[in-house]
Amino acid sequence: MRDGWDPRALPPLAGRTVVVTGGNAGIGYFISEQLAGAGARVVIAARSAEKAGIAISSIRERVPDASLAHVRLDLTSLASVREAAEEIAAFRPLHALVNNAGLVVASRRRQLTADGSELTVGGNFLGHFALTTLLFPALAEGGRVVGMGSDSTLMVRLDADDLWSERRYRPFRAYAFSKHAVQGFHLELARRIAAVGDPRMSLLAHPGWATNSYASRRPGITDRDPVGGRVFEAATGWVGQGKDRGAWPAVRAVADPDAENGMYFGPSRRLAGAPVLTTPVASSADPAFGAALWADAEQRTGIRFPV
């Protein structure tokens, strides 16, 4: 890997199409803005057309010639995922799919997706599994799938037998489990791609502790948090970085020409810093967990992955 990667000087991405789930807010917004600034066509896949419109207007204020589109996507509904995948596939070939969207603050009580799975793991992982499965044939040769991992996997030990919180539910536990699943899926995908000699890649990135309070101001985007959230971020965000910098690891996973299948990028100082190679927690990287997770996801979605 080349040292000294500069996230402020991305290589030209003209002619490439990148899909960013949740690209209308938070870290996803800044991923979209930064990739559009390097010339990529960015497809923002998100539930709210209104918020996507605000994000597109904001990006165009900074990148007047940006090529942007919105596709409605609700990751907690497999029907919505199927509809979105069909619409997104029309933009083929896709050069990257950034599986960024997700619930960060889980519900106090266990809730279910439209298809009956625990909501946090269902939305953060299972919806992305289905979307990736459906879009994989549209991914260009050498294209990349980038998952958003989390340091929460270091704080909550994985209980693979209770991934869906059927025995015990705690909000942060469910969130961490969802990120164990995201990491396990993308690492299993990397192994399967390598095993068949497919030139496409599966990578991971995590943002560290990234807040809107310490991000570059984007009206209508970085100021949407509830008052309580803003106070919390202002009080704690100094140990991390803004969401604009939290986007850097994912942007590197998309744009670095030297990136390789299975790599995981994160901030150099764990919570903040330039994007560098990092290592996932061992339980997420366990091939046995990855294989079992994959089989369960195919059963729950009714969709078989083409590798």
C-alpha atoms as a PDB file:
ATOM      1  CA  MET A   1       0.000   0.000   0.000  1.00  0.00           C
ATOM      2  CA  ARG A   2       1.115   3.520  -0.763  1.00  0.00           C
ATOM      3  CA  ASP A   3       1.775   5.574   2.381  1.00  0.00           C
ATOM      4  CA  GLY A   4       0.661   9.159   2.761  1.00  0.00           C
ATOM      5  CA  TRP A   5      -2.743   8.796   1.125  1.00  0.00           C
ATOM      6  CA  ASP A   6      -4.188  12.299   0.871  1.00  0.00           C
ATOM      7  CA  PRO A   7      -8.001  12.310   1.162  1.00  0.00           C
ATOM      8  CA  ARG A   8      -8.034  15.939  -0.015  1.00  0.00           C
ATOM      9  CA  ALA A   9      -6.386  15.058  -3.348  1.00  0.00           C
ATOM     10  CA  LEU A  10      -8.365  12.144  -4.760  1.00  0.00           C
ATOM     11  CA  PRO A  11      -7.448  10.585  -8.098  1.00  0.00           C
ATOM     12  CA  PRO A  12      -9.794  11.498 -10.968  1.00  0.00           C
ATOM     13  CA  LEU A  13     -12.994   9.439 -10.891  1.00  0.00           C
ATOM     14  CA  ALA A  14     -14.641  10.739 -14.063  1.00  0.00           C
ATOM     15  CA  GLY A  15     -16.537   8.006 -15.863  1.00  0.00           C
ATOM     16  CA  ARG A  16     -17.185   6.000 -12.698  1.00  0.00           C
ATOM     17  CA  THR A  17     -20.572   5.456 -11.107  1.00  0.00           C
ATOM     18  CA  VAL A  18     -20.782   5.037  -7.334  1.00  0.00           C
ATOM     19  CA  VAL A  19     -23.889   4.161  -5.334  1.00  0.00           C
ATOM     20  CA  VAL A  20     -23.962   5.453  -1.742  1.00  0.00           C
ATOM     21  CA  THR A  21     -26.727   4.189   0.511  1.00  0.00           C
ATOM     22  CA  GLY A  22     -27.746   6.871   2.997  1.00  0.00           C
ATOM     23  CA  GLY A  23     -25.839   9.383   0.896  1.00  0.00           C
ATOM     24  CA  ASN A  24     -28.218  12.185   1.853  1.00  0.00           C
ATOM     25  CA  ALA A  25     -27.042  12.646   5.452  1.00  0.00           C
ATOM     26  CA  GLY A  26     -24.179  12.295   7.882  1.00  0.00           C
ATOM     27  CA  ILE A  27     -21.072  10.452   6.769  1.00  0.00           C
ATOM     28  CA  GLY A  28     -22.882   9.255   3.658  1.00  0.00           C
ATOM     29  CA  TYR A  29     -23.436  12.828   2.559  1.00  0.00           C
ATOM     30  CA  PHE A  30     -19.731  13.632   2.789  1.00  0.00           C
ATOM     31  CA  ILE A  31     -18.818  10.411   0.977  1.00  0.00           C
ATOM     32  CA  SER A  32     -21.116  11.532  -1.825  1.00  0.00           C
ATOM     33  CA  GLU A  33     -19.753  15.086  -1.862  1.00  0.00           C
ATOM     34  CA  GLN A  34     -16.122  14.004  -1.901  1.00  0.00           C
ATOM     35  CA  LEU A  35     -16.580  11.399  -4.626  1.00  0.00           C
ATOM     36  CA  ALA A  36     -18.631  13.820  -6.745  1.00  0.00           C
ATOM     37  CA  GLY A  37     -15.851  16.380  -6.298  1.00  0.00           C
ATOM     38  CA  ALA A  38     -13.426  13.891  -7.862  1.00  0.00           C
ATOM     39  CA  GLY A  39     -15.710  13.487 -10.879  1.00  0.00           C
ATOM     40  CA  ALA A  40     -17.706  10.356 -10.065  1.00  0.00           C
ATOM     41  CA  ARG A  41     -21.379  10.068 -10.904  1.00  0.00           C
ATOM     42  CA  VAL A  42     -23.030   9.469  -7.525  1.00  0.00           C
ATOM     43  CA  VAL A  43     -26.346   7.711  -7.046  1.00  0.00           C
ATOM     44  CA  ILE A  44     -27.760   8.493  -3.605  1.00  0.00           C
ATOM     45  CA  ALA A  45     -29.948   5.630  -2.395  1.00  0.00           C
ATOM     46  CA  ALA A  46     -32.072   6.850   0.514  1.00  0.00           C
ATOM     47  CA  ARG A  47     -35.642   6.830   1.805  1.00  0.00           C
ATOM     48  CA  SER A  48     -36.393  10.557   1.751  1.00  0.00           C
ATOM     49  CA  ALA A  49     -36.601  12.303  -1.606  1.00  0.00           C
ATOM     50  CA  GLU A  50     -36.772  15.634   0.217  1.00  0.00           C
ATOM     51  CA  LYS A  51     -33.540  15.054   2.130  1.00  0.00           C
ATOM     52  CA  ALA A  52     -31.867  13.653  -0.971  1.00  0.00           C
ATOM     53  CA  GLY A  53     -32.841  16.818  -2.822  1.00  0.00           C
ATOM     54  CA  ILE A  54     -31.260  18.978  -0.112  1.00  0.00           C
ATOM     55  CA  ALA A  55     -28.089  16.878  -0.299  1.00  0.00           C
ATOM     56  CA  ILE A  56     -27.942  17.117  -4.092  1.00  0.00           C
ATOM     57  CA  SER A  57     -28.390  20.904  -3.959  1.00  0.00           C
ATOM     58  CA  SER A  58     -25.667  21.175  -1.314  1.00  0.00           C
ATOM     59  CA  ILE A  59     -23.215  19.123  -3.366  1.00  0.00           C
ATOM     60  CA  ARG A  60     -23.947  21.152  -6.498  1.00  0.00           C
ATOM     61  CA  GLU A  61     -23.194  24.371  -4.613  1.00  0.00           C
ATOM     62  CA  ARG A  62     -19.638  23.038  -4.212  1.00  0.00           C
ATOM     63  CA  VAL A  63     -19.408  20.919  -7.365  1.00  0.00           C
ATOM     64  CA  PRO A  64     -21.528  22.727  -9.977  1.00  0.00           C
ATOM     65  CA  ASP A  65     -21.042  20.081 -12.674  1.00  0.00           C
ATOM     66  CA  ALA A  66     -21.682  17.130 -10.351  1.00  0.00           C
ATOM     67  CA  SER A  67     -23.578  14.188 -11.825  1.00  0.00           C
ATOM     68  CA  LEU A  68     -26.072  13.111  -9.170  1.00  0.00           C
ATOM     69  CA  ALA A  69     -29.223  11.035  -8.903  1.00  0.00           C
ATOM     70  CA  HIS A  70     -31.553   9.759  -6.183  1.00  0.00           C
ATOM     71  CA  VAL A  71     -33.185   6.346  -5.891  1.00  0.00           C
ATOM     72  CA  ARG A  72     -35.615   5.633  -3.075  1.00  0.00           C
ATOM     73  CA  LEU A  73     -34.400   2.838  -0.797  1.00  0.00           C
ATOM     74  CA  ASP A  74     -35.710   1.521   2.516  1.00  0.00           C
ATOM     75  CA  LEU A  75     -33.301  -1.129   3.764  1.00  0.00           C
ATOM     76  CA  THR A  76     -35.823  -2.422   6.309  1.00  0.00           C
ATOM     77  CA  SER A  77     -38.114  -3.636   3.513  1.00  0.00           C
ATOM     78  CA  LEU A  78     -36.962  -6.324   1.082  1.00  0.00           C
ATOM     79  CA  ALA A  79     -39.662  -5.209  -1.350  1.00  0.00           C
ATOM     80  CA  SER A  80     -38.146  -1.709  -1.363  1.00  0.00           C
ATOM     81  CA  VAL A  81     -34.653  -3.172  -1.782  1.00  0.00           C
ATOM     82  CA  ARG A  82     -35.785  -5.131  -4.843  1.00  0.00           C
ATOM     83  CA  GLU A  83     -37.442  -2.064  -6.391  1.00  0.00           C
ATOM     84  CA  ALA A  84     -34.388   0.099  -5.709  1.00  0.00           C
ATOM     85  CA  ALA A  85     -31.975  -2.498  -7.089  1.00  0.00           C
ATOM     86  CA  GLU A  86     -33.906  -2.654 -10.355  1.00  0.00           C
ATOM     87  CA  GLU A  87     -33.766   1.133 -10.690  1.00  0.00           C
ATOM     88  CA  ILE A  88     -30.096   1.386  -9.671  1.00  0.00           C
ATOM     89  CA  ALA A  89     -29.087  -1.358 -12.114  1.00  0.00           C
ATOM     90  CA  ALA A  90     -30.110   0.978 -14.940  1.00  0.00           C
ATOM     91  CA  PHE A  91     -26.989   3.030 -14.126  1.00  0.00           C
ATOM     92  CA  ARG A  92     -24.718   0.057 -14.891  1.00  0.00           C
ATOM     93  CA  PRO A  93     -21.865  -0.533 -14.987  1.00  0.00           C
ATOM     94  CA  LEU A  94     -21.509   0.340 -11.318  1.00  0.00           C
ATOM     95  CA  HIS A  95     -17.941   0.904 -10.183  1.00  0.00           C
ATOM     96  CA  ALA A  96     -18.628   0.954  -6.457  1.00  0.00           C
ATOM     97  CA  LEU A  97     -21.441   0.287  -4.017  1.00  0.00           C
ATOM     98  CA  VAL A  98     -20.938   1.924  -0.620  1.00  0.00           C
ATOM     99  CA  ASN A  99     -23.153   0.209   1.946  1.00  0.00           C
ATOM    100  CA  ASN A 100     -23.191   3.177   4.310  1.00  0.00           C
ATOM    101  CA  ALA A 101     -26.793   3.647   5.496  1.00  0.00           C
ATOM    102  CA  GLY A 102     -27.925   2.337   8.835  1.00  0.00           C
ATOM    103  CA  LEU A 103     -29.502   2.880  12.207  1.00  0.00           C
ATOM    104  CA  VAL A 104     -26.982   4.232  14.712  1.00  0.00           C
ATOM    105  CA  VAL A 105     -29.282   4.693  17.693  1.00  0.00           C
ATOM    106  CA  ALA A 106     -31.314   1.517  18.048  1.00  0.00           C
ATOM    107  CA  SER A 107     -34.819   1.505  19.494  1.00  0.00           C
ATOM    108  CA  ARG A 108     -35.171   0.965  23.241  1.00  0.00           C
ATOM    109  CA  ARG A 109     -37.464  -1.954  22.516  1.00  0.00           C
ATOM    110  CA  ARG A 110     -36.882  -4.746  20.043  1.00  0.00           C
ATOM    111  CA  GLN A 111     -38.619  -3.950  16.771  1.00  0.00           C
ATOM    112  CA  LEU A 112     -38.929  -5.815  13.494  1.00  0.00           C
ATOM    113  CA  THR A 113     -38.399  -5.015   9.834  1.00  0.00           C
ATOM    114  CA  ALA A 114     -41.250  -5.324   7.365  1.00  0.00           C
ATOM    115  CA  ASP A 115     -40.084  -8.899   6.789  1.00  0.00           C
ATOM    116  CA  GLY A 116     -39.910  -9.943  10.444  1.00  0.00           C
ATOM    117  CA  SER A 117     -36.210  -9.635  11.319  1.00  0.00           C
ATOM    118  CA  GLU A 118     -34.833  -7.600  14.246  1.00  0.00           C
ATOM    119  CA  LEU A 119     -34.779  -4.028  12.968  1.00  0.00           C
ATOM    120  CA  THR A 120     -31.175  -2.941  13.598  1.00  0.00           C
ATOM    121  CA  VAL A 121     -29.429  -6.024  12.228  1.00  0.00           C
ATOM    122  CA  GLY A 122     -32.123  -6.328   9.579  1.00  0.00           C
ATOM    123  CA  GLY A 123     -31.622  -2.807   8.265  1.00  0.00           C
ATOM    124  CA  ASN A 124     -27.889  -2.377   8.741  1.00  0.00           C
ATOM    125  CA  PHE A 125     -26.889  -5.825   7.492  1.00  0.00           C
ATOM    126  CA  LEU A 126     -29.660  -7.854   5.887  1.00  0.00           C
ATOM    127  CA  GLY A 127     -30.952  -5.048   3.673  1.00  0.00           C
ATOM    128  CA  HIS A 128     -27.426  -4.418   2.412  1.00  0.00           C
ATOM    129  CA  PHE A 129     -26.873  -8.140   1.853  1.00  0.00           C
ATOM    130  CA  ALA A 130     -29.967  -8.227  -0.356  1.00  0.00           C
ATOM    131  CA  LEU A 131     -29.023  -5.029  -2.195  1.00  0.00           C
ATOM    132  CA  THR A 132     -25.474  -6.222  -2.833  1.00  0.00           C
ATOM    133  CA  THR A 133     -26.739  -9.602  -4.037  1.00  0.00           C
ATOM    134  CA  LEU A 134     -29.134  -8.023  -6.504  1.00  0.00           C
ATOM    135  CA  LEU A 135     -26.630  -5.429  -7.770  1.00  0.00           C
ATOM    136  CA  PHE A 136     -23.554  -7.646  -7.963  1.00  0.00           C
ATOM    137  CA  PRO A 137     -24.206  -8.578 -11.623  1.00  0.00           C
ATOM    138  CA  ALA A 138     -24.261  -4.840 -12.457  1.00  0.00           C
ATOM    139  CA  LEU A 139     -20.878  -4.258 -10.794  1.00  0.00           C
ATOM    140  CA  ALA A 140     -18.118  -3.524 -13.293  1.00  0.00           C
ATOM    141  CA  GLU A 141     -15.008  -5.657 -13.633  1.00  0.00           C
ATOM    142  CA  GLY A 142     -12.755  -4.449 -10.840  1.00  0.00           C
ATOM    143  CA  GLY A 143     -15.739  -2.816  -9.127  1.00  0.00           C
ATOM    144  CA  ARG A 144     -15.896  -2.528  -5.348  1.00  0.00           C
ATOM    145  CA  VAL A 145     -18.399  -3.165  -2.579  1.00  0.00           C
ATOM    146  CA  VAL A 146     -17.569  -1.171   0.558  1.00  0.00           C
ATOM    147  CA  GLY A 147     -19.134  -1.918   3.926  1.00  0.00           C
ATOM    148  CA  MET A 148     -19.188   0.384   6.943  1.00  0.00           C
ATOM    149  CA  GLY A 149     -17.758  -1.336   9.989  1.00  0.00           C
ATOM    150  CA  SER A 150     -17.541   0.028  13.515  1.00  0.00           C
ATOM    151  CA  ASP A 151     -15.392   0.011  16.627  1.00  0.00           C
ATOM    152  CA  SER A 152     -18.533  -1.003  18.513  1.00  0.00           C
ATOM    153  CA  THR A 153     -17.447  -4.539  17.582  1.00  0.00           C
ATOM    154  CA  LEU A 154     -14.509  -4.078  19.948  1.00  0.00           C
ATOM    155  CA  MET A 155     -16.831  -3.063  22.776  1.00  0.00           C
ATOM    156  CA  VAL A 156     -19.515  -5.757  22.460  1.00  0.00           C
ATOM    157  CA  ARG A 157     -18.551  -9.387  22.214  1.00  0.00           C
ATOM    158  CA  LEU A 158     -20.338 -11.229  19.432  1.00  0.00           C
ATOM    159  CA  ASP A 159     -22.907 -13.841  20.407  1.00  0.00           C
ATOM    160  CA  ALA A 160     -23.452 -15.462  17.020  1.00  0.00           C
ATOM    161  CA  ASP A 161     -26.206 -17.666  18.420  1.00  0.00           C
ATOM    162  CA  ASP A 162     -28.248 -14.603  19.381  1.00  0.00           C
ATOM    163  CA  LEU A 163     -27.399 -12.296  16.485  1.00  0.00           C
ATOM    164  CA  TRP A 164     -31.080 -11.360  16.107  1.00  0.00           C
ATOM    165  CA  SER A 165     -31.524 -10.634  19.846  1.00  0.00           C
ATOM    166  CA  GLU A 166     -34.233 -13.239  20.258  1.00  0.00           C
ATOM    167  CA  ARG A 167     -33.033 -14.195  23.759  1.00  0.00           C
ATOM    168  CA  ARG A 168     -31.932 -10.794  25.004  1.00  0.00           C
ATOM    169  CA  TYR A 169     -32.248  -7.324  23.534  1.00  0.00           C
ATOM    170  CA  ARG A 170     -30.221  -4.217  24.371  1.00  0.00           C
ATOM    171  CA  PRO A 171     -30.042  -1.273  21.936  1.00  0.00           C
ATOM    172  CA  PHE A 172     -26.254  -0.875  21.783  1.00  0.00           C
ATOM    173  CA  ARG A 173     -25.784  -4.650  21.760  1.00  0.00           C
ATOM    174  CA  ALA A 174     -28.081  -4.888  18.724  1.00  0.00           C
ATOM    175  CA  TYR A 175     -26.177  -2.089  16.987  1.00  0.00           C
ATOM    176  CA  ALA A 176     -22.815  -3.751  17.636  1.00  0.00           C
ATOM    177  CA  PHE A 177     -24.210  -7.087  16.434  1.00  0.00           C
ATOM    178  CA  SER A 178     -25.324  -5.377  13.223  1.00  0.00           C
ATOM    179  CA  LYS A 179     -21.771  -4.194  12.666  1.00  0.00           C
ATOM    180  CA  HIS A 180     -20.330  -7.629  13.436  1.00  0.00           C
ATOM    181  CA  ALA A 181     -22.676  -8.871  10.723  1.00  0.00           C
ATOM    182  CA  VAL A 182     -21.662  -6.141   8.255  1.00  0.00           C
ATOM    183  CA  GLN A 183     -17.998  -6.919   8.806  1.00  0.00           C
ATOM    184  CA  GLY A 184     -18.580 -10.669   8.650  1.00  0.00           C
ATOM    185  CA  PHE A 185     -20.508 -10.353   5.385  1.00  0.00           C
ATOM    186  CA  HIS A 186     -17.968  -8.199   3.581  1.00  0.00           C
ATOM    187  CA  LEU A 187     -15.053 -10.349   4.700  1.00  0.00           C
ATOM    188  CA  GLU A 188     -16.888 -13.518   3.625  1.00  0.00           C
ATOM    189  CA  LEU A 189     -17.652 -11.867   0.291  1.00  0.00           C
ATOM    190  CA  ALA A 190     -13.944 -11.060  -0.080  1.00  0.00           C
ATOM    191  CA  ARG A 191     -13.067 -14.717   0.551  1.00  0.00           C
ATOM    192  CA  ARG A 192     -15.633 -15.958  -1.975  1.00  0.00           C
ATOM    193  CA  ILE A 193     -14.511 -13.468  -4.608  1.00  0.00           C
ATOM    194  CA  ALA A 194     -10.900 -14.558  -4.139  1.00  0.00           C
ATOM    195  CA  ALA A 195     -11.808 -18.258  -4.268  1.00  0.00           C
ATOM    196  CA  VAL A 196     -13.345 -17.974  -7.761  1.00  0.00           C
ATOM    197  CA  GLY A 197     -10.812 -15.473  -9.119  1.00  0.00           C
ATOM    198  CA  ASP A 198     -13.381 -12.717  -9.569  1.00  0.00           C
ATOM    199  CA  PRO A 199     -11.642  -9.345 -10.202  1.00  0.00           C
ATOM    200  CA  ARG A 200     -14.187  -7.420  -8.132  1.00  0.00           C
ATOM    201  CA  MET A 201     -13.453  -6.477  -4.528  1.00  0.00           C
ATOM    202  CA  SER A 202     -15.127  -6.348  -1.127  1.00  0.00           C
ATOM    203  CA  LEU A 203     -13.677  -3.878   1.363  1.00  0.00           C
ATOM    204  CA  LEU A 204     -14.509  -2.349   4.739  1.00  0.00           C
ATOM    205  CA  ALA A 205     -14.136   1.072   6.317  1.00  0.00           C
ATOM    206  CA  HIS A 206     -14.946   2.581   9.690  1.00  0.00           C
ATOM    207  CA  PRO A 207     -15.217   6.295  10.491  1.00  0.00           C
ATOM    208  CA  GLY A 208     -13.909   6.411  14.054  1.00  0.00           C
ATOM    209  CA  TRP A 209     -15.879   8.735  16.306  1.00  0.00           C
ATOM    210  CA  ALA A 210     -17.346  11.155  13.768  1.00  0.00           C
ATOM    211  CA  THR A 211     -19.866  13.886  14.601  1.00  0.00           C
ATOM    212  CA  ASN A 212     -21.760  16.643  12.840  1.00  0.00           C
ATOM    213  CA  SER A 213     -20.681  19.102  15.527  1.00  0.00           C
ATOM    214  CA  TYR A 214     -17.075  18.985  14.346  1.00  0.00           C
ATOM    215  CA  ALA A 215     -17.814  18.678  10.622  1.00  0.00           C
ATOM    216  CA  SER A 216     -17.718  21.354   7.957  1.00  0.00           C
ATOM    217  CA  ARG A 217     -21.104  23.084   8.089  1.00  0.00           C
ATOM    218  CA  ARG A 218     -23.696  22.035   5.539  1.00  0.00           C
ATOM    219  CA  PRO A 219     -27.065  23.778   6.116  1.00  0.00           C
ATOM    220  CA  GLY A 220     -29.962  21.351   6.163  1.00  0.00           C
ATOM    221  CA  ILE A 221     -27.622  18.385   6.636  1.00  0.00           C
ATOM    222  CA  THR A 222     -25.193  18.808   9.537  1.00  0.00           C
ATOM    223  CA  ASP A 223     -27.724  20.764  11.610  1.00  0.00           C
ATOM    224  CA  ARG A 224     -30.575  18.246  11.606  1.00  0.00           C
ATOM    225  CA  ASP A 225     -29.670  16.405  14.837  1.00  0.00           C
ATOM    226  CA  PRO A 226     -32.016  16.791  17.818  1.00  0.00           C
ATOM    227  CA  VAL A 227     -30.855  19.265  20.465  1.00  0.00           C
ATOM    228  CA  GLY A 228     -29.846  16.483  22.856  1.00  0.00           C
ATOM    229  CA  GLY A 229     -27.715  14.874  20.193  1.00  0.00           C
ATOM    230  CA  ARG A 230     -26.012  18.150  19.363  1.00  0.00           C
ATOM    231  CA  VAL A 231     -25.108  18.719  23.007  1.00  0.00           C
ATOM    232  CA  PHE A 232     -23.721  15.185  23.329  1.00  0.00           C
ATOM    233  CA  GLU A 233     -21.688  15.516  20.138  1.00  0.00           C
ATOM    234  CA  ALA A 234     -20.321  18.918  21.149  1.00  0.00           C
ATOM    235  CA  ALA A 235     -19.246  17.516  24.508  1.00  0.00           C
ATOM    236  CA  THR A 236     -17.631  14.319  23.200  1.00  0.00           C
ATOM    237  CA  GLY A 237     -16.732  14.979  19.571  1.00  0.00           C
ATOM    238  CA  TRP A 238     -13.387  16.585  20.372  1.00  0.00           C
ATOM    239  CA  VAL A 239     -11.887  13.118  20.893  1.00  0.00           C
ATOM    240  CA  GLY A 240     -12.831  12.185  17.326  1.00  0.00           C
ATOM    241  CA  GLN A 241     -13.432  14.158  14.160  1.00  0.00           C
ATOM    242  CA  GLY A 242     -16.145  15.628  11.974  1.00  0.00           C
ATOM    243  CA  LYS A 243     -18.229  13.465   9.687  1.00  0.00           C
ATOM    244  CA  ASP A 244     -16.464  15.024   6.705  1.00  0.00           C
ATOM    245  CA  ARG A 245     -13.261  13.341   7.893  1.00  0.00           C
ATOM    246  CA  GLY A 246     -15.179  10.282   9.032  1.00  0.00           C
ATOM    247  CA  ALA A 247     -15.974   9.776   5.337  1.00  0.00           C
ATOM    248  CA  TRP A 248     -12.291   9.464   4.435  1.00  0.00           C
ATOM    249  CA  PRO A 249     -11.819   5.710   5.060  1.00  0.00           C
ATOM    250  CA  ALA A 250     -14.795   4.798   2.859  1.00  0.00           C
ATOM    251  CA  VAL A 251     -13.690   7.253   0.179  1.00  0.00           C
ATOM    252  CA  ARG A 252     -10.229   5.699   0.214  1.00  0.00           C
ATOM    253  CA  ALA A 253     -11.766   2.223  -0.124  1.00  0.00           C
ATOM    254  CA  VAL A 254     -13.582   3.446  -3.243  1.00  0.00           C
ATOM    255  CA  ALA A 255     -10.851   5.565  -4.802  1.00  0.00           C
ATOM    256  CA  ASP A 256      -7.417   4.199  -3.867  1.00  0.00           C
ATOM    257  CA  PRO A 257      -6.043   2.438  -6.973  1.00  0.00           C
ATOM    258  CA  ASP A 258      -3.784   0.335  -4.731  1.00  0.00           C
ATOM    259  CA  ALA A 259      -6.594  -1.040  -2.569  1.00  0.00           C
ATOM    260  CA  GLU A 260      -6.971  -4.799  -2.583  1.00  0.00           C
ATOM    261  CA  ASN A 261      -9.802  -7.205  -1.932  1.00  0.00           C
ATOM    262  CA  GLY A 262     -10.492  -7.725   1.780  1.00  0.00           C
ATOM    263  CA  MET A 263      -8.790  -4.542   3.034  1.00  0.00           C
ATOM    264  CA  TYR A 264     -10.218  -2.575   5.965  1.00  0.00           C
ATOM    265  CA  PHE A 265      -9.559   1.169   6.347  1.00  0.00           C
ATOM    266  CA  GLY A 266      -9.986   3.280   9.462  1.00  0.00           C
ATOM    267  CA  PRO A 267      -8.610   6.438  11.106  1.00  0.00           C
ATOM    268  CA  SER A 268      -4.905   6.336  11.967  1.00  0.00           C
ATOM    269  CA  ARG A 269      -5.573   7.170  15.643  1.00  0.00           C
ATOM    270  CA  ARG A 270      -8.551   4.797  15.877  1.00  0.00           C
ATOM    271  CA  LEU A 271     -11.093   7.565  16.628  1.00  0.00           C
ATOM    272  CA  ALA A 272      -9.651  10.175  14.272  1.00  0.00           C
ATOM    273  CA  GLY A 273      -6.963  10.750  11.701  1.00  0.00           C
ATOM    274  CA  ALA A 274      -6.009   9.977   8.123  1.00  0.00           C
ATOM    275  CA  PRO A 275      -7.392   6.733   6.644  1.00  0.00           C
ATOM    276  CA  VAL A 276      -5.018   3.791   7.023  1.00  0.00           C
ATOM    277  CA  LEU A 277      -5.223   0.013   6.969  1.00  0.00           C
ATOM    278  CA  THR A 278      -6.720  -1.476  10.109  1.00  0.00           C
ATOM    279  CA  THR A 279      -7.760  -4.916  11.377  1.00  0.00           C
ATOM    280  CA  PRO A 280     -11.269  -6.212  12.134  1.00  0.00           C
ATOM    281  CA  VAL A 281     -12.064  -7.922  15.429  1.00  0.00           C
ATOM    282  CA  ALA A 282     -11.340 -11.647  15.200  1.00  0.00           C
ATOM    283  CA  SER A 283     -14.935 -12.777  15.752  1.00  0.00           C
ATOM    284  CA  SER A 284     -16.179 -10.777  12.745  1.00  0.00           C
ATOM    285  CA  ALA A 285     -13.355 -12.157  10.608  1.00  0.00           C
ATOM    286  CA  ASP A 286     -13.958 -15.791  11.578  1.00  0.00           C
ATOM    287  CA  PRO A 287     -14.696 -17.771   8.362  1.00  0.00           C
ATOM    288  CA  ALA A 288     -17.109 -20.019  10.272  1.00  0.00           C
ATOM    289  CA  PHE A 289     -19.145 -16.973  11.337  1.00  0.00           C
ATOM    290  CA  GLY A 290     -19.056 -15.615   7.806  1.00  0.00           C
ATOM    291  CA  ALA A 291     -20.278 -18.848   6.256  1.00  0.00           C
ATOM    292  CA  ALA A 292     -23.118 -19.272   8.769  1.00  0.00           C
ATOM    293  CA  LEU A 293     -24.109 -15.609   8.405  1.00  0.00           C
ATOM    294  CA  TRP A 294     -24.195 -15.949   4.618  1.00  0.00           C
ATOM    295  CA  ALA A 295     -26.403 -19.042   4.715  1.00  0.00           C
ATOM    296  CA  ASP A 296     -28.785 -17.375   7.182  1.00  0.00           C
ATOM    297  CA  ALA A 297     -29.004 -14.235   5.054  1.00  0.00           C
ATOM    298  CA  GLU A 298     -29.814 -16.195   1.920  1.00  0.00           C
ATOM    299  CA  GLN A 299     -32.525 -18.063   3.797  1.00  0.00           C
ATOM    300  CA  ARG A 300     -34.043 -14.896   5.282  1.00  0.00           C
ATOM    301  CA  THR A 301     -34.000 -12.934   2.016  1.00  0.00           C
ATOM    302  CA  GLY A 302     -34.778 -15.798  -0.346  1.00  0.00           C
ATOM    303  CA  ILE A 303     -32.010 -14.489  -2.607  1.00  0.00           C
ATOM    304  CA  ARG A 304     -28.922 -16.504  -3.559  1.00  0.00           C
ATOM    305  CA  PHE A 305     -25.699 -14.581  -4.081  1.00  0.00           C
ATOM    306  CA  PRO A 306     -24.128 -15.180  -7.532  1.00  0.00           C
ATOM    307  CA  VAL A 307     -20.689 -16.181  -6.133  1.00  0.00           C
END
